[in-house]
């Protein structure tokens, strides 16, 4: 699946899975929460076979990458700076960035802050969003006194304590609850915010004793190892910078480079928001295509790797003018 390397970038160190010829065009794979570079295990070899140099970092705060104990250190200018530093360290002027979940949010903002370094975008699960106000204000106006995990994550301490108490249980619960296997056509109403934790909501329906078919015990062990090494302060602090990030990019133009989007029809991020994906056609000047994978949940590239890889390689083939999957 590639070689683990460690790069000093932007004042920190990143653990990176690297594969392929450094002389080939770069593809940077940006994972989400709560994940790691391991979430791209099914994509790395096909990308190398198609002629790309693949870089999949455990991002700032995750695993054995640097994890500063300062909330402000997880603002998007620092997260984007890490990825630009990784390009510099590996000799690339630019790259195709593929982001999932929080990785998608980062890539959207990266493309607005450093457009000259982003050759194209293939984002997953989280569409391009133009917030009308600071995001936490939007969430507060929407949910009132009901629980919403991003608002719960804003205070330092409770989320970390809850998730770190039993990391294996946390990962089993979250990976199942957000998957297509657990999807509900009509989700239950959120409970009151007072006295509710994230795992109370994610674990409201007990996960089955066996893992879903797309997740092995070895995969789960990799994720557990990631968060035993790093804890959850850094990963959750990405959420604590949402308003800061909004202020930083809100007046910048939308990404103008070629964009593709891949989502799952059972992904709770988009399944309950009619028009969310479709709105990108009006907001992005060069949206090349949208692929929705039937039955896939939030962990799109892990749950449906064959369908995902076909869409990913077709986008890259279109970008580079060659048959899908060929060098």
Protein backbone atom coordinates (compact mmCIF):
# COMPACT_ATOMS: atom_id res chain seq x y z
CA UNK A 1 0.00 0.00 0.00
CA UNK A 2 3.01 2.29 -0.07
CA UNK A 3 5.81 3.24 2.31
CA UNK A 4 5.46 5.19 5.55
CA UNK A 5 7.66 8.28 5.49
CA UNK A 6 7.99 11.28 7.78
CA UNK A 7 8.22 14.79 6.40
CA UNK A 8 9.09 18.02 8.21
CA UNK A 9 6.67 20.61 6.82
CA UNK A 10 5.31 23.96 7.95
CA UNK A 11 6.92 23.72 11.39
CA UNK A 12 5.54 20.26 12.19
CA UNK A 13 6.07 16.65 11.08
CA UNK A 14 3.64 14.54 9.08
CA UNK A 15 3.51 10.77 8.82
CA UNK A 16 2.74 10.04 5.17
CA UNK A 17 1.96 6.95 3.13
CA UNK A 18 3.84 7.53 -0.13
CA UNK A 19 3.66 5.39 -3.26
CA UNK A 20 4.60 5.67 -6.91
CA UNK A 21 7.24 7.52 -8.89
CA UNK A 22 7.97 11.06 -7.59
CA UNK A 23 8.42 12.13 -11.21
CA UNK A 24 4.74 11.38 -11.90
CA UNK A 25 1.95 13.93 -11.28
CA UNK A 26 0.99 14.16 -7.61
CA UNK A 27 -2.29 13.13 -6.03
CA UNK A 28 -2.74 14.06 -2.37
CA UNK A 29 -5.35 12.08 -0.42
CA UNK A 30 -6.84 14.02 2.50
CA UNK A 31 -8.71 11.97 5.09
CA UNK A 32 -11.57 13.06 7.31
CA UNK A 33 -12.74 12.55 10.90
CA UNK A 34 -12.30 10.23 12.68
CA UNK A 35 -10.02 8.52 10.18
CA UNK A 36 -6.42 8.42 8.98
CA UNK A 37 -4.43 7.76 5.82
CA UNK A 38 -5.63 4.15 6.17
CA UNK A 39 -9.03 5.26 4.86
CA UNK A 40 -7.44 5.43 1.37
CA UNK A 41 -6.14 1.84 1.45
CA UNK A 42 -8.20 0.85 -1.61
CA UNK A 43 -7.19 3.86 -3.73
CA UNK A 44 -3.40 4.01 -3.46
CA UNK A 45 -2.42 1.10 -5.70
CA UNK A 46 -4.92 1.94 -8.49
CA UNK A 47 -3.62 5.51 -8.52
CA UNK A 48 -0.01 4.34 -8.78
CA UNK A 49 -0.98 1.94 -11.58
CA UNK A 50 -2.59 4.88 -13.38
CA UNK A 51 0.67 6.82 -13.26
CA UNK A 52 0.43 9.06 -10.20
CA UNK A 53 2.70 9.82 -7.26
CA UNK A 54 0.45 9.32 -4.25
CA UNK A 55 0.77 11.12 -0.91
CA UNK A 56 -1.64 10.20 1.88
CA UNK A 57 -0.77 11.97 5.13
CA UNK A 58 -2.02 11.33 8.61
CA UNK A 59 -2.97 14.97 8.96
CA UNK A 60 -2.00 17.36 11.74
CA UNK A 61 -3.29 16.03 15.06
CA UNK A 62 -3.72 12.44 13.87
CA UNK A 63 -1.73 9.31 14.67
CA UNK A 64 1.98 10.00 14.97
CA UNK A 65 1.95 13.25 13.03
CA UNK A 66 2.58 16.34 15.16
CA UNK A 67 -0.36 17.25 17.40
CA UNK A 68 0.01 20.76 18.87
CA UNK A 69 -1.93 21.38 22.10
CA UNK A 70 -3.32 24.70 20.91
CA UNK A 71 -6.76 25.02 19.32
CA UNK A 72 -5.58 27.85 17.05
CA UNK A 73 -2.93 25.53 15.56
CA UNK A 74 -5.73 23.72 13.70
CA UNK A 75 -6.95 26.72 11.71
CA UNK A 76 -7.18 26.13 7.99
CA UNK A 77 -4.20 28.33 7.19
CA UNK A 78 -2.04 25.85 9.14
CA UNK A 79 -3.74 22.74 7.74
CA UNK A 80 -3.40 24.11 4.20
CA UNK A 81 0.19 25.08 4.91
CA UNK A 82 0.94 21.47 5.86
CA UNK A 83 -0.24 20.25 2.45
CA UNK A 84 1.65 22.95 0.55
CA UNK A 85 4.73 22.06 2.57
CA UNK A 86 4.26 18.42 1.61
CA UNK A 87 4.22 19.40 -2.08
CA UNK A 88 7.40 21.42 -1.57
CA UNK A 89 9.10 18.58 0.30
CA UNK A 90 8.32 16.09 -2.48
CA UNK A 91 9.20 18.39 -5.39
CA UNK A 92 5.74 19.09 -6.79
CA UNK A 93 4.50 22.44 -8.06
CA UNK A 94 0.89 21.32 -7.77
CA UNK A 95 -1.32 18.29 -7.23
CA UNK A 96 -4.76 16.87 -7.64
CA UNK A 97 -6.29 16.91 -4.15
CA UNK A 98 -8.87 14.31 -3.16
CA UNK A 99 -10.59 15.05 0.14
CA UNK A 100 -13.16 13.16 2.16
CA UNK A 101 -15.29 14.60 4.97
CA UNK A 102 -13.10 17.14 6.83
CA UNK A 103 -10.49 16.50 4.17
CA UNK A 104 -13.00 17.84 1.64
CA UNK A 105 -13.61 20.97 3.71
CA UNK A 106 -9.86 21.50 3.88
CA UNK A 107 -9.43 21.02 0.13
CA UNK A 108 -12.24 23.48 -0.67
CA UNK A 109 -10.48 26.11 1.45
CA UNK A 110 -7.00 25.16 0.24
CA UNK A 111 -8.15 25.82 -3.32
CA UNK A 112 -9.28 29.32 -2.30
CA UNK A 113 -6.10 30.14 -0.36
CA UNK A 114 -3.50 28.56 -2.67
CA UNK A 115 -5.26 28.08 -6.04
CA UNK A 116 -1.96 27.98 -7.94
CA UNK A 117 -1.00 24.74 -6.16
CA UNK A 118 -4.29 22.89 -6.78
CA UNK A 119 -4.46 21.35 -10.26
CA UNK A 120 -7.89 19.80 -9.75
CA UNK A 121 -10.22 18.64 -6.98
CA UNK A 122 -12.07 15.38 -6.46
CA UNK A 123 -14.02 15.84 -3.24
CA UNK A 124 -16.08 13.30 -1.38
CA UNK A 125 -19.13 13.51 0.90
CA UNK A 126 -19.05 17.25 1.74
CA UNK A 127 -20.14 19.58 -1.10
CA UNK A 128 -18.72 23.05 -1.60
CA UNK A 129 -20.54 25.31 0.84
CA UNK A 130 -20.81 29.09 1.03
CA UNK A 131 -21.91 29.87 4.58
CA UNK A 132 -24.23 32.88 4.95
CA UNK A 133 -22.82 33.53 8.44
CA UNK A 134 -20.29 31.94 10.82
CA UNK A 135 -21.11 28.22 10.75
CA UNK A 136 -21.74 27.85 14.47
CA UNK A 137 -24.29 30.69 14.29
CA UNK A 138 -26.04 28.84 11.47
CA UNK A 139 -26.09 25.61 13.50
CA UNK A 140 -27.41 27.35 16.64
CA UNK A 141 -30.21 28.98 14.66
CA UNK A 142 -31.09 25.64 13.07
CA UNK A 143 -31.05 23.26 16.05
CA UNK A 144 -31.93 25.52 18.98
CA UNK A 145 -31.59 23.59 22.23
CA UNK A 146 -31.26 20.19 20.51
CA UNK A 147 -28.00 18.25 20.26
CA UNK A 148 -25.71 18.84 17.32
CA UNK A 149 -22.28 17.26 17.42
CA UNK A 150 -20.34 20.21 15.95
CA UNK A 151 -21.67 22.52 18.67
CA UNK A 152 -20.87 19.86 21.28
CA UNK A 153 -17.31 19.71 19.94
CA UNK A 154 -16.70 23.42 20.49
CA UNK A 155 -15.87 23.15 24.19
CA UNK A 156 -12.45 21.69 24.93
CA UNK A 157 -12.67 18.59 27.08
CA UNK A 158 -16.05 16.81 26.97
CA UNK A 159 -15.70 15.28 23.50
CA UNK A 160 -12.12 14.16 24.10
CA UNK A 161 -13.00 12.60 27.44
CA UNK A 162 -15.99 10.77 25.97
CA UNK A 163 -14.19 9.37 22.92
CA UNK A 164 -10.93 8.50 24.66
CA UNK A 165 -12.61 6.49 27.46
CA UNK A 166 -12.84 3.42 25.19
CA UNK A 167 -11.31 4.10 21.78
CA UNK A 168 -12.19 0.72 20.32
CA UNK A 169 -15.85 1.21 21.27
CA UNK A 170 -15.75 4.74 19.88
CA UNK A 171 -14.44 3.62 16.51
CA UNK A 172 -16.76 0.60 16.22
CA UNK A 173 -19.73 2.80 17.05
CA UNK A 174 -18.91 5.73 14.78
CA UNK A 175 -17.80 3.71 11.76
CA UNK A 176 -20.97 1.65 11.84
CA UNK A 177 -23.40 4.45 12.69
CA UNK A 178 -22.37 6.68 9.76
CA UNK A 179 -22.21 3.85 7.23
CA UNK A 180 -24.75 2.85 4.65
CA UNK A 181 -25.44 -0.26 6.74
CA UNK A 182 -26.97 1.86 9.51
CA UNK A 183 -28.72 4.44 7.32
CA UNK A 184 -32.31 5.38 8.18
CA UNK A 185 -34.57 7.00 5.61
CA UNK A 186 -36.05 9.16 8.35
CA UNK A 187 -33.55 9.85 11.16
CA UNK A 188 -34.90 10.25 14.69
CA UNK A 189 -35.19 13.80 16.07
CA UNK A 190 -32.10 14.96 17.94
CA UNK A 191 -32.21 14.73 21.73
CA UNK A 192 -31.78 17.77 23.99
CA UNK A 193 -28.26 19.18 23.98
CA UNK A 194 -28.10 19.25 27.76
CA UNK A 195 -26.63 16.02 29.10
CA UNK A 196 -26.12 14.39 25.68
CA UNK A 197 -22.80 13.18 24.27
CA UNK A 198 -21.78 12.29 20.73
CA UNK A 199 -21.64 8.57 21.43
CA UNK A 200 -25.08 8.73 23.02
CA UNK A 201 -26.38 9.75 19.61
CA UNK A 202 -24.11 7.63 17.43
CA UNK A 203 -24.67 4.58 19.62
CA UNK A 204 -28.42 5.02 20.09
CA UNK A 205 -28.84 1.83 18.09
CA UNK A 206 -26.36 -0.76 19.30
CA UNK A 207 -23.84 -1.67 16.56
CA UNK A 208 -23.93 -5.34 15.57
CA UNK A 209 -21.37 -7.66 17.13
CA UNK A 210 -19.76 -8.29 13.74
CA UNK A 211 -18.14 -5.59 11.65
CA UNK A 212 -19.71 -4.55 8.34
CA UNK A 213 -18.34 -6.32 5.27
CA UNK A 214 -16.27 -3.32 4.17
CA UNK A 215 -14.37 -3.07 7.49
CA UNK A 216 -12.01 -5.78 8.75
CA UNK A 217 -10.68 -6.28 12.25
CA UNK A 218 -7.28 -5.18 10.91
CA UNK A 219 -8.82 -1.97 9.59
CA UNK A 220 -10.44 -1.28 12.94
CA UNK A 221 -7.17 -1.99 14.75
CA UNK A 222 -5.41 0.55 12.52
CA UNK A 223 -7.91 3.26 13.47
CA UNK A 224 -7.71 2.37 17.16
CA UNK A 225 -3.92 2.61 16.99
CA UNK A 226 -4.21 6.02 15.31
CA UNK A 227 -6.25 7.52 18.14
CA UNK A 228 -4.41 5.76 20.94
CA UNK A 229 -1.33 7.55 19.61
CA UNK A 230 -2.87 10.98 19.12
CA UNK A 231 -5.97 11.20 21.26
CA UNK A 232 -8.85 13.35 20.01
CA UNK A 233 -7.86 16.90 20.99
CA UNK A 234 -6.25 17.69 17.64
CA UNK A 235 -8.90 16.07 15.42
CA UNK A 236 -11.78 17.72 17.30
CA UNK A 237 -9.98 21.06 17.29
CA UNK A 238 -10.40 21.16 13.49
CA UNK A 239 -14.11 21.74 14.27
CA UNK A 240 -13.27 24.49 16.78
CA UNK A 241 -11.85 26.55 13.93
CA UNK A 242 -14.90 26.52 11.66
CA UNK A 243 -15.82 30.15 12.36
CA UNK A 244 -12.20 31.25 12.06
CA UNK A 245 -11.87 29.44 8.73
CA UNK A 246 -15.07 31.04 7.46
CA UNK A 247 -13.74 34.52 8.25
CA UNK A 248 -10.50 33.71 6.46
CA UNK A 249 -11.99 32.51 3.15
CA UNK A 250 -15.49 34.03 2.89
CA UNK A 251 -14.39 36.88 0.61
CA UNK A 252 -12.22 34.74 -1.65
CA UNK A 253 -13.56 33.45 -4.98
CA UNK A 254 -14.87 29.92 -5.32
CA UNK A 255 -12.41 27.29 -6.58
CA UNK A 256 -12.03 27.78 -10.33
CA UNK A 257 -10.04 24.65 -11.20
CA UNK A 258 -11.69 21.44 -12.50
CA UNK A 259 -13.83 19.80 -9.81
CA UNK A 260 -15.49 16.41 -9.48
CA UNK A 261 -17.67 15.26 -6.60
CA UNK A 262 -18.36 11.71 -5.37
CA UNK A 263 -20.99 10.89 -2.76
CA UNK A 264 -23.03 8.05 -1.36
CA UNK A 265 -26.82 7.96 -1.53
CA UNK A 266 -26.88 6.83 2.12
CA UNK A 267 -24.45 9.44 3.42
CA UNK A 268 -26.19 11.41 6.16
CA UNK A 269 -24.19 14.52 5.28
CA UNK A 270 -26.06 14.88 1.99
CA UNK A 271 -28.99 12.44 1.99
CA UNK A 272 -31.18 14.63 4.21
CA UNK A 273 -30.40 17.92 2.41
CA UNK A 274 -32.22 18.15 -0.92
CA UNK A 275 -30.37 20.30 -3.40
CA UNK A 276 -27.11 20.41 -1.40
CA UNK A 277 -25.10 18.57 -4.05
CA UNK A 278 -26.92 20.15 -6.97
CA UNK A 279 -26.18 23.70 -5.71
CA UNK A 280 -22.52 23.27 -6.59
CA UNK A 281 -23.38 23.61 -10.28
CA UNK A 282 -24.20 27.27 -9.68
CA UNK A 283 -21.31 27.98 -7.32
CA UNK A 284 -18.35 26.27 -9.01
CA UNK A 285 -17.23 27.59 -12.41
CA UNK A 286 -15.74 24.28 -13.58
CA UNK A 287 -17.73 21.46 -12.00
CA UNK A 288 -16.99 18.55 -14.34
CA UNK A 289 -19.11 15.80 -12.84
CA UNK A 290 -21.00 14.34 -9.89
CA UNK A 291 -21.13 10.62 -9.11
CA UNK A 292 -23.58 9.32 -6.51
CA UNK A 293 -22.89 5.73 -5.46
CA UNK A 294 -26.08 3.84 -4.68
CA UNK A 295 -26.15 2.41 -1.15
CA UNK A 296 -22.84 3.90 0.02
CA UNK A 297 -22.81 5.73 3.32
CA UNK A 298 -20.45 8.33 4.73
CA UNK A 299 -17.27 6.23 4.41
CA UNK A 300 -17.69 6.32 0.65
CA UNK A 301 -14.30 5.20 -0.66
CA UNK A 302 -14.12 2.42 1.94
CA UNK A 303 -17.67 1.12 1.57
CA UNK A 304 -17.74 1.04 -2.25
CA UNK A 305 -14.11 1.03 -3.43
CA UNK A 306 -14.75 -0.39 -6.91
CA UNK A 307 -17.40 2.18 -7.78
CA UNK A 308 -15.41 4.95 -6.13
CA UNK A 309 -12.19 4.06 -7.94
CA UNK A 310 -13.97 3.93 -11.29
CA UNK A 311 -15.30 7.47 -10.77
CA UNK A 312 -11.96 8.74 -9.46
CA UNK A 313 -9.92 7.27 -12.31
CA UNK A 314 -12.44 8.48 -14.91
CA UNK A 315 -12.07 12.02 -13.56
CA UNK A 316 -8.29 11.83 -13.69
CA UNK A 317 -8.42 10.37 -17.21
CA UNK A 318 -10.58 13.28 -18.32
CA UNK A 319 -8.23 15.76 -16.66
CA UNK A 320 -5.12 14.30 -18.26
CA UNK A 321 -6.63 13.24 -21.58
CA UNK A 322 -5.99 9.52 -21.42
CA UNK A 323 -8.02 6.32 -20.96
CA UNK A 324 -9.19 5.67 -17.40
CA UNK A 325 -6.67 3.72 -15.37
CA UNK A 326 -3.86 3.96 -17.96
CA UNK A 327 -0.46 5.54 -17.55
